[in-house]
């Protein structure tokens, strides 16, 4: 294997591991937001803001992995 193949394999491995961690964190955050919705109007307003940030974070994490895989495939690494 050459250097670029090793780098591509390392990036694929890291993104896969980060996606696994991200799934756990996202689920935990969604559970917390769900409880916040249960506790009245004040926490519910905060939960709505948090929910937007959780979704944005998930899109960034999984989007970055997809972009990295696309670049890897397109560049032929």
Protein backbone atom coordinates (compact mmCIF):
# COMPACT_ATOMS: atom_id res chain seq x y z
CA UNK A 1 0.00 0.00 0.00
CA UNK A 2 1.19 3.47 -0.68
CA UNK A 3 0.99 6.55 1.52
CA UNK A 4 -2.30 7.83 0.07
CA UNK A 5 -4.03 4.49 0.57
CA UNK A 6 -2.91 4.46 4.20
CA UNK A 7 -4.18 8.02 4.74
CA UNK A 8 -7.50 7.18 3.07
CA UNK A 9 -7.90 4.08 5.25
CA UNK A 10 -7.07 6.08 8.37
CA UNK A 11 -9.62 8.80 7.49
CA UNK A 12 -12.29 6.19 6.80
CA UNK A 13 -11.56 4.50 10.12
CA UNK A 14 -11.66 7.76 12.08
CA UNK A 15 -14.90 8.94 10.48
CA UNK A 16 -16.56 5.58 11.15
CA UNK A 17 -15.52 5.70 14.82
CA UNK A 18 -16.68 9.31 15.20
CA UNK A 19 -20.03 8.48 13.64
CA UNK A 20 -20.51 5.69 16.17
CA UNK A 21 -19.73 8.06 19.04
CA UNK A 22 -21.93 10.76 17.51
CA UNK A 23 -24.94 8.44 17.37
CA UNK A 24 -24.69 7.82 21.11
CA UNK A 25 -24.31 11.52 21.89
CA UNK A 26 -27.21 12.47 19.60
CA UNK A 27 -29.51 9.93 21.21
CA UNK A 28 -28.54 11.11 24.70
CA UNK A 29 -29.19 14.74 23.74
CA UNK A 30 -32.56 13.85 22.24
CA UNK A 31 -33.55 12.08 25.46
CA UNK A 32 -32.59 15.17 27.48
CA UNK A 33 -34.56 17.41 25.10
CA UNK A 34 -37.55 15.09 25.41
CA UNK A 35 -37.51 15.46 29.18
CA UNK A 36 -37.17 19.22 28.84
CA UNK A 37 -40.38 19.29 26.80
CA UNK A 38 -42.15 17.56 29.69
CA UNK A 39 -41.21 20.15 32.32
CA UNK A 40 -43.20 23.20 31.29
CA UNK A 41 -42.99 26.23 29.09
CA UNK A 42 -39.54 27.58 30.04
CA UNK A 43 -37.57 24.38 29.51
CA UNK A 44 -39.71 23.65 26.44
CA UNK A 45 -38.53 26.86 24.76
CA UNK A 46 -34.93 25.98 25.53
CA UNK A 47 -35.52 22.44 24.23
CA UNK A 48 -36.72 23.81 20.88
CA UNK A 49 -33.46 25.74 20.47
CA UNK A 50 -31.40 22.74 21.52
CA UNK A 51 -33.22 20.50 19.07
CA UNK A 52 -32.18 22.72 16.18
CA UNK A 53 -28.54 22.63 17.26
CA UNK A 54 -28.65 18.84 17.72
CA UNK A 55 -29.97 18.38 14.19
CA UNK A 56 -27.38 20.78 12.78
CA UNK A 57 -24.59 18.96 14.60
CA UNK A 58 -25.79 15.59 13.29
CA UNK A 59 -25.88 16.93 9.73
CA UNK A 60 -22.34 18.29 10.07
CA UNK A 61 -20.93 15.04 11.52
CA UNK A 62 -22.54 12.74 8.98
CA UNK A 63 -22.13 15.23 6.13
CA UNK A 64 -18.40 15.52 6.79
CA UNK A 65 -18.02 11.76 6.62
CA UNK A 66 -19.94 11.65 3.34
CA UNK A 67 -17.86 14.47 1.87
CA UNK A 68 -14.64 12.71 2.91
CA UNK A 69 -15.78 9.47 1.24
CA UNK A 70 -16.82 11.33 -1.91
CA UNK A 71 -13.45 13.07 -2.16
CA UNK A 72 -11.68 9.78 -1.57
CA UNK A 73 -13.67 8.06 -4.33
CA UNK A 74 -13.36 10.94 -6.78
CA UNK A 75 -9.63 11.41 -6.23
CA UNK A 76 -9.03 7.68 -6.54
CA UNK A 77 -7.27 7.18 -3.22
